[in-house]
PDB file of all heavy atoms in Angstrom:
ATOM      1  N   GLU A   1     104.572  63.262  14.771  1.00  0.00           N
ATOM      2  CA  GLU A   1     105.930  63.438  15.301  1.00  0.00           C
ATOM      3  C   GLU A   1     106.108  64.849  15.845  1.00  0.00           C
ATOM      4  O   GLU A   1     106.834  65.067  16.813  1.00  0.00           O
ATOM      5  CB  GLU A   1     106.958  63.170  14.200  1.00  0.00           C
ATOM      6  CG  GLU A   1     107.119  61.695  13.847  1.00  0.00           C
ATOM      7  CD  GLU A   1     108.193  61.473  12.803  1.00  0.00           C
ATOM      8  OE1 GLU A   1     108.855  62.460  12.418  1.00  0.00           O
ATOM      9  OE2 GLU A   1     108.370  60.322  12.371  1.00  0.00           O
ATOM     10  N   LEU A   2     105.431  65.823  15.229  1.00  0.00           N
ATOM     11  CA  LEU A   2     105.568  67.217  15.642  1.00  0.00           C
ATOM     12  C   LEU A   2     104.609  67.579  16.769  1.00  0.00           C
ATOM     13  O   LEU A   2     104.856  68.520  17.516  1.00  0.00           O
ATOM     14  CB  LEU A   2     105.321  68.139  14.444  1.00  0.00           C
ATOM     15  CG  LEU A   2     106.350  68.055  13.312  1.00  0.00           C
ATOM     16  CD1 LEU A   2     105.858  68.811  12.087  1.00  0.00           C
ATOM     17  CD2 LEU A   2     107.689  68.614  13.768  1.00  0.00           C
ATOM     18  N   ASN A   3     103.505  66.843  16.858  1.00  0.00           N
ATOM     19  CA  ASN A   3     102.515  67.167  17.885  1.00  0.00           C
ATOM     20  C   ASN A   3     101.872  65.890  18.397  1.00  0.00           C
ATOM     21  O   ASN A   3     100.937  65.358  17.790  1.00  0.00           O
ATOM     22  CB  ASN A   3     101.448  68.112  17.320  1.00  0.00           C
ATOM     23  CG  ASN A   3     100.590  68.721  18.409  1.00  0.00           C
ATOM     24  OD1 ASN A   3     100.116  68.013  19.287  1.00  0.00           O
ATOM     25  ND2 ASN A   3     100.399  70.029  18.359  1.00  0.00           N
ATOM     26  N   SER A   4     102.354  65.409  19.525  1.00  0.00           N
ATOM     27  CA  SER A   4     101.868  64.147  20.089  1.00  0.00           C
ATOM     28  C   SER A   4     100.449  64.257  20.636  1.00  0.00           C
ATOM     29  O   SER A   4      99.797  63.244  20.885  1.00  0.00           O
ATOM     30  CB  SER A   4     102.814  63.684  21.199  1.00  0.00           C
ATOM     31  OG  SER A   4     102.895  64.666  22.227  1.00  0.00           O
ATOM     32  N   GLN A   5      99.960  65.479  20.850  1.00  0.00           N
ATOM     33  CA  GLN A   5      98.612  65.658  21.385  1.00  0.00           C
ATOM     34  C   GLN A   5      97.517  65.460  20.338  1.00  0.00           C
ATOM     35  O   GLN A   5      96.331  65.451  20.666  1.00  0.00           O
ATOM     36  CB  GLN A   5      98.468  67.052  21.999  1.00  0.00           C
ATOM     37  CG  GLN A   5      99.343  67.273  23.226  1.00  0.00           C
ATOM     38  CD  GLN A   5      99.089  68.626  23.859  1.00  0.00           C
ATOM     39  OE1 GLN A   5      97.984  69.158  23.799  1.00  0.00           O
ATOM     40  NE2 GLN A   5     100.116  69.187  24.471  1.00  0.00           N
ATOM     41  N   LEU A   6      97.924  65.300  19.081  1.00  0.00           N
ATOM     42  CA  LEU A   6      96.937  65.169  18.019  1.00  0.00           C
ATOM     43  C   LEU A   6      96.043  63.948  18.222  1.00  0.00           C
ATOM     44  O   LEU A   6      94.844  64.002  17.927  1.00  0.00           O
ATOM     45  CB  LEU A   6      97.632  65.090  16.659  1.00  0.00           C
ATOM     46  CG  LEU A   6      96.706  64.940  15.448  1.00  0.00           C
ATOM     47  CD1 LEU A   6      95.758  66.121  15.335  1.00  0.00           C
ATOM     48  CD2 LEU A   6      97.522  64.782  14.159  1.00  0.00           C
ATOM     49  N   VAL A   7      96.596  62.857  18.733  1.00  0.00           N
ATOM     50  CA  VAL A   7      95.815  61.637  18.935  1.00  0.00           C
ATOM     51  C   VAL A   7      94.641  61.901  19.866  1.00  0.00           C
ATOM     52  O   VAL A   7      93.486  61.576  19.557  1.00  0.00           O
ATOM     53  CB  VAL A   7      96.694  60.493  19.494  1.00  0.00           C
ATOM     54  CG1 VAL A   7      95.818  59.300  19.889  1.00  0.00           C
ATOM     55  CG2 VAL A   7      97.714  60.052  18.459  1.00  0.00           C
ATOM     56  N   SER A   8      94.905  62.501  21.018  1.00  0.00           N
ATOM     57  CA  SER A   8      93.831  62.778  21.979  1.00  0.00           C
ATOM     58  C   SER A   8      92.840  63.786  21.418  1.00  0.00           C
ATOM     59  O   SER A   8      91.633  63.700  21.678  1.00  0.00           O
ATOM     60  CB  SER A   8      94.413  63.286  23.303  1.00  0.00           C
ATOM     61  OG  SER A   8      95.177  64.460  23.107  1.00  0.00           O
ATOM     62  N   THR A   9      93.328  64.737  20.613  1.00  0.00           N
ATOM     63  CA  THR A   9      92.441  65.727  19.989  1.00  0.00           C
ATOM     64  C   THR A   9      91.485  65.053  19.014  1.00  0.00           C
ATOM     65  O   THR A   9      90.285  65.348  18.992  1.00  0.00           O
ATOM     66  CB  THR A   9      93.262  66.807  19.256  1.00  0.00           C
ATOM     67  OG1 THR A   9      94.145  67.446  20.178  1.00  0.00           O
ATOM     68  CG2 THR A   9      92.351  67.842  18.624  1.00  0.00           C
ATOM     69  N   LEU A  10      92.009  64.127  18.216  1.00  0.00           N
ATOM     70  CA  LEU A  10      91.182  63.405  17.254  1.00  0.00           C
ATOM     71  C   LEU A  10      90.115  62.574  17.963  1.00  0.00           C
ATOM     72  O   LEU A  10      88.939  62.594  17.578  1.00  0.00           O
ATOM     73  CB  LEU A  10      92.050  62.502  16.374  1.00  0.00           C
ATOM     74  CG  LEU A  10      92.911  63.184  15.304  1.00  0.00           C
ATOM     75  CD1 LEU A  10      93.881  62.184  14.687  1.00  0.00           C
ATOM     76  CD2 LEU A  10      92.035  63.789  14.227  1.00  0.00           C
ATOM     77  N   ILE A  11      90.534  61.841  18.982  1.00  0.00           N
ATOM     78  CA  ILE A  11      89.595  60.984  19.712  1.00  0.00           C
ATOM     79  C   ILE A  11      88.503  61.821  20.365  1.00  0.00           C
ATOM     80  O   ILE A  11      87.306  61.497  20.270  1.00  0.00           O
ATOM     81  CB  ILE A  11      90.340  60.148  20.776  1.00  0.00           C
ATOM     82  CG1 ILE A  11      91.218  59.088  20.087  1.00  0.00           C
ATOM     83  CG2 ILE A  11      89.357  59.480  21.732  1.00  0.00           C
ATOM     84  CD1 ILE A  11      92.096  58.307  21.023  1.00  0.00           C
ATOM     85  N   ASN A  12      88.884  62.909  21.011  1.00  0.00           N
ATOM     86  CA  ASN A  12      87.902  63.777  21.669  1.00  0.00           C
ATOM     87  C   ASN A  12      86.920  64.355  20.653  1.00  0.00           C
ATOM     88  O   ASN A  12      85.708  64.410  20.909  1.00  0.00           O
ATOM     89  CB  ASN A  12      88.621  64.907  22.407  1.00  0.00           C
ATOM     90  CG  ASN A  12      87.650  65.829  23.135  1.00  0.00           C
ATOM     91  OD1 ASN A  12      86.959  65.433  24.053  1.00  0.00           O
ATOM     92  ND2 ASN A  12      87.615  67.079  22.692  1.00  0.00           N
ATOM     93  N   PHE A  13      87.436  64.758  19.506  1.00  0.00           N
ATOM     94  CA  PHE A  13      86.590  65.343  18.467  1.00  0.00           C
ATOM     95  C   PHE A  13      85.563  64.326  17.970  1.00  0.00           C
ATOM     96  O   PHE A  13      84.373  64.635  17.832  1.00  0.00           O
ATOM     97  CB  PHE A  13      87.453  65.822  17.302  1.00  0.00           C
ATOM     98  CG  PHE A  13      86.676  66.474  16.195  1.00  0.00           C
ATOM     99  CD1 PHE A  13      86.258  67.792  16.303  1.00  0.00           C
ATOM    100  CD2 PHE A  13      86.373  65.778  15.037  1.00  0.00           C
ATOM    101  CE1 PHE A  13      85.542  68.401  15.283  1.00  0.00           C
ATOM    102  CE2 PHE A  13      85.656  66.375  14.008  1.00  0.00           C
ATOM    103  CZ  PHE A  13      85.247  67.697  14.136  1.00  0.00           C
ATOM    104  N   MET A  14      86.013  63.094  17.707  1.00  0.00           N
ATOM    105  CA  MET A  14      85.102  62.069  17.196  1.00  0.00           C
ATOM    106  C   MET A  14      84.071  61.657  18.240  1.00  0.00           C
ATOM    107  O   MET A  14      82.934  61.327  17.909  1.00  0.00           O
ATOM    108  CB  MET A  14      85.897  60.859  16.702  1.00  0.00           C
ATOM    109  CG  MET A  14      86.644  61.125  15.388  1.00  0.00           C
ATOM    110  SD  MET A  14      87.519  59.678  14.726  1.00  0.00           S
ATOM    111  CE  MET A  14      89.016  59.731  15.713  1.00  0.00           C
ATOM    112  N   GLU A  15      84.473  61.686  19.501  1.00  0.00           N
ATOM    113  CA  GLU A  15      83.547  61.282  20.572  1.00  0.00           C
ATOM    114  C   GLU A  15      82.505  62.342  20.883  1.00  0.00           C
ATOM    115  O   GLU A  15      81.423  62.019  21.375  1.00  0.00           O
ATOM    116  CB  GLU A  15      84.339  60.939  21.837  1.00  0.00           C
ATOM    117  CG  GLU A  15      85.112  59.626  21.727  1.00  0.00           C
ATOM    118  CD  GLU A  15      85.872  59.299  23.002  1.00  0.00           C
ATOM    119  OE1 GLU A  15      86.048  60.218  23.824  1.00  0.00           O
ATOM    120  OE2 GLU A  15      86.309  58.135  23.140  1.00  0.00           O
ATOM    121  N   THR A  16      82.819  63.593  20.622  1.00  0.00           N
ATOM    122  CA  THR A  16      81.895  64.671  20.975  1.00  0.00           C
ATOM    123  C   THR A  16      80.999  65.104  19.812  1.00  0.00           C
ATOM    124  O   THR A  16      80.095  65.920  20.005  1.00  0.00           O
ATOM    125  CB  THR A  16      82.669  65.903  21.482  1.00  0.00           C
ATOM    126  OG1 THR A  16      83.659  66.292  20.507  1.00  0.00           O
ATOM    127  CG2 THR A  16      83.345  65.613  22.805  1.00  0.00           C
ATOM    128  N   THR A  17      81.247  64.565  18.610  1.00  0.00           N
ATOM    129  CA  THR A  17      80.369  64.878  17.478  1.00  0.00           C
ATOM    130  C   THR A  17      79.003  64.241  17.710  1.00  0.00           C
ATOM    131  O   THR A  17      78.906  63.050  17.988  1.00  0.00           O
ATOM    132  CB  THR A  17      80.978  64.355  16.161  1.00  0.00           C
ATOM    133  OG1 THR A  17      82.203  65.054  15.902  1.00  0.00           O
ATOM    134  CG2 THR A  17      80.022  64.582  15.000  1.00  0.00           C
ATOM    135  N   SER A  18      77.934  65.022  17.597  1.00  0.00           N
ATOM    136  CA  SER A  18      76.586  64.500  17.839  1.00  0.00           C
ATOM    137  C   SER A  18      76.093  63.702  16.636  1.00  0.00           C
ATOM    138  O   SER A  18      76.654  63.776  15.535  1.00  0.00           O
ATOM    139  CB  SER A  18      75.621  65.650  18.126  1.00  0.00           C
ATOM    140  OG  SER A  18      75.275  66.322  16.924  1.00  0.00           O
ATOM    141  N   GLU A  19      75.026  62.955  16.851  1.00  0.00           N
ATOM    142  CA  GLU A  19      74.453  62.142  15.778  1.00  0.00           C
ATOM    143  C   GLU A  19      73.791  62.998  14.706  1.00  0.00           C
ATOM    144  O   GLU A  19      73.471  62.499  13.626  1.00  0.00           O
ATOM    145  CB  GLU A  19      73.445  61.138  16.338  1.00  0.00           C
ATOM    146  CG  GLU A  19      74.094  60.026  17.160  1.00  0.00           C
ATOM    147  CD  GLU A  19      73.108  58.923  17.501  1.00  0.00           C
ATOM    148  OE1 GLU A  19      71.896  59.106  17.233  1.00  0.00           O
ATOM    149  OE2 GLU A  19      73.550  57.889  18.030  1.00  0.00           O
ATOM    150  N   LYS A  20      73.557  64.266  14.987  1.00  0.00           N
ATOM    151  CA  LYS A  20      72.965  65.165  14.013  1.00  0.00           C
ATOM    152  C   LYS A  20      74.017  65.939  13.227  1.00  0.00           C
ATOM    153  O   LYS A  20      73.700  66.795  12.410  1.00  0.00           O
ATOM    154  CB  LYS A  20      72.004  66.147  14.709  1.00  0.00           C
ATOM    155  CG  LYS A  20      70.785  65.471  15.329  1.00  0.00           C
ATOM    156  CD  LYS A  20      69.968  64.719  14.271  1.00  0.00           C
ATOM    157  CE  LYS A  20      68.745  64.062  14.878  1.00  0.00           C
ATOM    158  NZ  LYS A  20      67.963  63.306  13.859  1.00  0.00           N
ATOM    159  N   GLN A  21      75.291  65.627  13.513  1.00  0.00           N
ATOM    160  CA  GLN A  21      76.393  66.238  12.777  1.00  0.00           C
ATOM    161  C   GLN A  21      77.141  65.163  12.013  1.00  0.00           C
ATOM    162  O   GLN A  21      77.126  63.983  12.385  1.00  0.00           O
ATOM    163  CB  GLN A  21      77.366  66.939  13.734  1.00  0.00           C
ATOM    164  CG  GLN A  21      76.802  68.164  14.422  1.00  0.00           C
ATOM    165  CD  GLN A  21      77.813  68.759  15.393  1.00  0.00           C
ATOM    166  OE1 GLN A  21      78.315  68.083  16.278  1.00  0.00           O
ATOM    167  NE2 GLN A  21      78.107  70.037  15.215  1.00  0.00           N
ATOM    168  N   PHE A  22      77.796  65.587  10.937  1.00  0.00           N
ATOM    169  CA  PHE A  22      78.654  64.654  10.213  1.00  0.00           C
ATOM    170  C   PHE A  22      80.015  65.309   9.995  1.00  0.00           C
ATOM    171  O   PHE A  22      80.177  66.200   9.168  1.00  0.00           O
ATOM    172  CB  PHE A  22      78.049  64.250   8.870  1.00  0.00           C
ATOM    173  CG  PHE A  22      78.945  63.331   8.092  1.00  0.00           C
ATOM    174  CD1 PHE A  22      79.253  62.071   8.585  1.00  0.00           C
ATOM    175  CD2 PHE A  22      79.509  63.736   6.892  1.00  0.00           C
ATOM    176  CE1 PHE A  22      80.099  61.224   7.885  1.00  0.00           C
ATOM    177  CE2 PHE A  22      80.352  62.897   6.191  1.00  0.00           C
ATOM    178  CZ  PHE A  22      80.647  61.634   6.679  1.00  0.00           C
ATOM    179  N   HIS A  23      80.965  64.876  10.807  1.00  0.00           N
ATOM    180  CA  HIS A  23      82.332  65.380  10.707  1.00  0.00           C
ATOM    181  C   HIS A  23      83.241  64.200  10.386  1.00  0.00           C
ATOM    182  O   HIS A  23      83.474  63.348  11.243  1.00  0.00           O
ATOM    183  CB  HIS A  23      82.765  66.037  12.020  1.00  0.00           C
ATOM    184  CG  HIS A  23      81.957  67.239  12.375  1.00  0.00           C
ATOM    185  ND1 HIS A  23      81.597  67.543  13.668  1.00  0.00           N
ATOM    186  CD2 HIS A  23      81.405  68.206  11.594  1.00  0.00           C
ATOM    187  CE1 HIS A  23      80.883  68.659  13.679  1.00  0.00           C
ATOM    188  NE2 HIS A  23      80.761  69.073  12.436  1.00  0.00           N
ATOM    189  N   LEU A  24      83.724  64.153   9.182  1.00  0.00           N
ATOM    190  CA  LEU A  24      84.543  63.029   8.738  1.00  0.00           C
ATOM    191  C   LEU A  24      86.011  63.413   8.727  1.00  0.00           C
ATOM    192  O   LEU A  24      86.395  64.415   8.109  1.00  0.00           O
ATOM    193  CB  LEU A  24      84.118  62.583   7.342  1.00  0.00           C
ATOM    194  CG  LEU A  24      84.931  61.439   6.729  1.00  0.00           C
ATOM    195  CD1 LEU A  24      84.729  60.145   7.533  1.00  0.00           C
ATOM    196  CD2 LEU A  24      84.543  61.232   5.278  1.00  0.00           C
ATOM    197  N   ILE A  25      86.833  62.628   9.403  1.00  0.00           N
ATOM    198  CA  ILE A  25      88.276  62.857   9.404  1.00  0.00           C
ATOM    199  C   ILE A  25      88.922  61.945   8.367  1.00  0.00           C
ATOM    200  O   ILE A  25      88.709  60.730   8.369  1.00  0.00           O
ATOM    201  CB  ILE A  25      88.869  62.594  10.795  1.00  0.00           C
ATOM    202  CG1 ILE A  25      88.335  63.624  11.792  1.00  0.00           C
ATOM    203  CG2 ILE A  25      90.396  62.648  10.750  1.00  0.00           C
ATOM    204  CD1 ILE A  25      88.726  63.374  13.222  1.00  0.00           C
ATOM    205  N   VAL A  26      89.694  62.535   7.483  1.00  0.00           N
ATOM    206  CA  VAL A  26      90.401  61.775   6.449  1.00  0.00           C
ATOM    207  C   VAL A  26      91.901  61.981   6.640  1.00  0.00           C
ATOM    208  O   VAL A  26      92.401  63.105   6.580  1.00  0.00           O
ATOM    209  CB  VAL A  26      89.985  62.222   5.033  1.00  0.00           C
ATOM    210  CG1 VAL A  26      90.767  61.431   3.977  1.00  0.00           C
ATOM    211  CG2 VAL A  26      88.488  62.041   4.823  1.00  0.00           C
ATOM    212  N   LEU A  27      92.594  60.882   6.909  1.00  0.00           N
ATOM    213  CA  LEU A  27      94.042  60.919   7.085  1.00  0.00           C
ATOM    214  C   LEU A  27      94.718  60.288   5.872  1.00  0.00           C
ATOM    215  O   LEU A  27      94.226  59.301   5.328  1.00  0.00           O
ATOM    216  CB  LEU A  27      94.454  60.147   8.337  1.00  0.00           C
ATOM    217  CG  LEU A  27      93.725  60.456   9.650  1.00  0.00           C
ATOM    218  CD1 LEU A  27      94.255  59.554  10.761  1.00  0.00           C
ATOM    219  CD2 LEU A  27      93.874  61.920  10.024  1.00  0.00           C
ATOM    220  N   THR A  28      95.845  60.854   5.457  1.00  0.00           N
ATOM    221  CA  THR A  28      96.665  60.207   4.440  1.00  0.00           C
ATOM    222  C   THR A  28      98.053  59.953   5.026  1.00  0.00           C
ATOM    223  O   THR A  28      98.566  60.760   5.804  1.00  0.00           O
ATOM    224  CB  THR A  28      96.779  61.060   3.159  1.00  0.00           C
ATOM    225  OG1 THR A  28      97.097  62.414   3.506  1.00  0.00           O
ATOM    226  CG2 THR A  28      95.479  61.042   2.390  1.00  0.00           C
ATOM    227  N   SER A  29      98.615  58.824   4.639  1.00  0.00           N
ATOM    228  CA  SER A  29      99.884  58.405   5.253  1.00  0.00           C
ATOM    229  C   SER A  29     100.690  57.546   4.297  1.00  0.00           C
ATOM    230  O   SER A  29     100.135  56.805   3.471  1.00  0.00           O
ATOM    231  CB  SER A  29      99.596  57.609   6.534  1.00  0.00           C
ATOM    232  OG  SER A  29     100.777  57.029   7.047  1.00  0.00           O
ATOM    233  N   THR A  30     102.006  57.642   4.418  1.00  0.00           N
ATOM    234  CA  THR A  30     102.888  56.752   3.667  1.00  0.00           C
ATOM    235  C   THR A  30     103.347  55.573   4.516  1.00  0.00           C
ATOM    236  O   THR A  30     103.966  54.647   4.013  1.00  0.00           O
ATOM    237  CB  THR A  30     104.138  57.511   3.157  1.00  0.00           C
ATOM    238  OG1 THR A  30     104.814  58.097   4.278  1.00  0.00           O
ATOM    239  CG2 THR A  30     103.751  58.607   2.175  1.00  0.00           C
TER     240      THR A  30
END
């Protein structure tokens, strides 16, 4: 709600992570 650009940032981050890296995103929500 505070930052609508977060969605595109998350997608870009997950798409650019190489197979030799492990970057796990953990979201919590109500």
